[in-house]
Each structure stands twice: as structure tokens, then as C-alpha cells.
């Protein structure tokens, strides 16, 4: 699983931290996804949005 490009992209994006990642999502600027095809990009965004929904309040984004 660690060699899966979707998994790797999610891992890389999560290392940015929730505020930086949310800002990138809001601006729709995710250069880490350029190497992925459209379906993989959608998968990554879906995973990231699910993760962010859990952590939104704990990093001060839901206020």
C-alpha cells in the first residue's frame, strides 16, 4: 500500500499541516498532485477532505 501513488500523495499532503493544507485546498493549488491522473487526484482530494473534516475544529479551522 505504501507504494500506491494515492496513499503517497495523501501522506505528503498531510505533512503540510492542517492550516497549510486547507489553504491549498481552498485555492485549489496542490502541486503534489500533478503527477497523478484525474481519477487519482479525485481519490486524493476525497481522502484529504475526509481527513480535514475530522481535524477541522482541532486546528482552528472550524471557528
C-alpha atoms as a PDB file:
ATOM      1  CA  UNK A   1       0.000   0.000   0.000  1.00  0.00           C
ATOM      2  CA  UNK A   2       2.849   2.415   0.718  1.00  0.00           C
ATOM      3  CA  UNK A   3       3.803   2.298  -2.970  1.00  0.00           C
ATOM      4  CA  UNK A   4       0.309   3.324  -4.046  1.00  0.00           C
ATOM      5  CA  UNK A   5       0.562   6.840  -5.558  1.00  0.00           C
ATOM      6  CA  UNK A   6      -2.717   7.911  -3.940  1.00  0.00           C
ATOM      7  CA  UNK A   7      -1.528   6.806  -0.495  1.00  0.00           C
ATOM      8  CA  UNK A   8       1.825   8.525  -1.024  1.00  0.00           C
ATOM      9  CA  UNK A   9       0.169  11.780  -2.091  1.00  0.00           C
ATOM     10  CA  UNK A  10      -2.120  11.749   0.956  1.00  0.00           C
ATOM     11  CA  UNK A  11       0.902  11.197   3.214  1.00  0.00           C
ATOM     12  CA  UNK A  12       2.851  14.050   1.616  1.00  0.00           C
ATOM     13  CA  UNK A  13      -0.082  16.444   1.822  1.00  0.00           C
ATOM     14  CA  UNK A  14      -0.812  15.601   5.462  1.00  0.00           C
ATOM     15  CA  UNK A  15       2.745  16.515   6.403  1.00  0.00           C
ATOM     16  CA  UNK A  16       1.997  20.117   5.415  1.00  0.00           C
ATOM     17  CA  UNK A  17      -0.201  20.598   8.460  1.00  0.00           C
ATOM     18  CA  UNK A  18      -3.901  21.309   8.545  1.00  0.00           C
ATOM     19  CA  UNK A  19      -3.799  25.083   8.067  1.00  0.00           C
ATOM     20  CA  UNK A  20      -1.418  24.985   5.097  1.00  0.00           C
ATOM     21  CA  UNK A  21      -3.282  22.099   3.530  1.00  0.00           C
ATOM     22  CA  UNK A  22      -6.670  23.763   3.956  1.00  0.00           C
ATOM     23  CA  UNK A  23      -5.311  26.929   2.354  1.00  0.00           C
ATOM     24  CA  UNK A  24      -4.071  24.899  -0.628  1.00  0.00           C
ATOM     25  CA  UNK A  25      -7.426  23.133  -0.937  1.00  0.00           C
ATOM     26  CA  UNK A  26      -9.292  26.446  -0.766  1.00  0.00           C
ATOM     27  CA  UNK A  27      -7.068  27.880  -3.509  1.00  0.00           C
ATOM     28  CA  UNK A  28      -7.173  24.598  -5.431  1.00  0.00           C
ATOM     29  CA  UNK A  29      -3.377  24.653  -5.602  1.00  0.00           C
ATOM     30  CA  UNK A  30      -1.993  21.195  -4.969  1.00  0.00           C
ATOM     31  CA  UNK A  31       1.201  20.815  -6.989  1.00  0.00           C
ATOM     32  CA  UNK A  32       1.827  17.465  -5.274  1.00  0.00           C
ATOM     33  CA  UNK A  33      -0.957  16.003  -7.426  1.00  0.00           C
ATOM     34  CA  UNK A  34       0.461  16.942 -10.843  1.00  0.00           C
ATOM     35  CA  UNK A  35       1.975  13.508 -11.455  1.00  0.00           C
ATOM     36  CA  UNK A  36      -1.344  11.748 -10.802  1.00  0.00           C
ATOM     37  CA  UNK A  37      -4.092  11.112 -13.309  1.00  0.00           C
ATOM     38  CA  UNK A  38      -7.512  12.708 -12.861  1.00  0.00           C
ATOM     39  CA  UNK A  39      -9.057   9.714 -11.079  1.00  0.00           C
ATOM     40  CA  UNK A  40      -6.140   9.519  -8.633  1.00  0.00           C
ATOM     41  CA  UNK A  41      -6.358  13.264  -7.985  1.00  0.00           C
ATOM     42  CA  UNK A  42     -10.052  12.876  -7.135  1.00  0.00           C
ATOM     43  CA  UNK A  43      -9.245   9.993  -4.800  1.00  0.00           C
ATOM     44  CA  UNK A  44      -6.580  12.035  -3.005  1.00  0.00           C
ATOM     45  CA  UNK A  45      -8.869  15.046  -2.656  1.00  0.00           C
ATOM     46  CA  UNK A  46     -11.644  12.848  -1.298  1.00  0.00           C
ATOM     47  CA  UNK A  47      -9.308  11.319   1.267  1.00  0.00           C
ATOM     48  CA  UNK A  48      -7.861  14.695   2.261  1.00  0.00           C
ATOM     49  CA  UNK A  49     -11.298  16.275   2.638  1.00  0.00           C
ATOM     50  CA  UNK A  50     -12.407  13.366   4.834  1.00  0.00           C
ATOM     51  CA  UNK A  51      -9.316  13.750   6.988  1.00  0.00           C
ATOM     52  CA  UNK A  52      -9.719  17.523   7.197  1.00  0.00           C
ATOM     53  CA  UNK A  53     -13.363  17.149   8.270  1.00  0.00           C
ATOM     54  CA  UNK A  54     -12.173  15.237  11.327  1.00  0.00           C
ATOM     55  CA  UNK A  55      -9.428  17.686  12.295  1.00  0.00           C
ATOM     56  CA  UNK A  56     -11.015  20.985  11.270  1.00  0.00           C
ATOM     57  CA  UNK A  57     -12.020  22.074  14.789  1.00  0.00           C
ATOM     58  CA  UNK A  58      -8.811  20.903  16.434  1.00  0.00           C
ATOM     59  CA  UNK A  59      -6.606  23.086  14.263  1.00  0.00           C
ATOM     60  CA  UNK A  60      -8.824  26.156  14.474  1.00  0.00           C
ATOM     61  CA  UNK A  61     -10.366  25.969  11.015  1.00  0.00           C
ATOM     62  CA  UNK A  62     -13.957  25.388  12.059  1.00  0.00           C
ATOM     63  CA  UNK A  63     -14.318  28.600  14.019  1.00  0.00           C
END
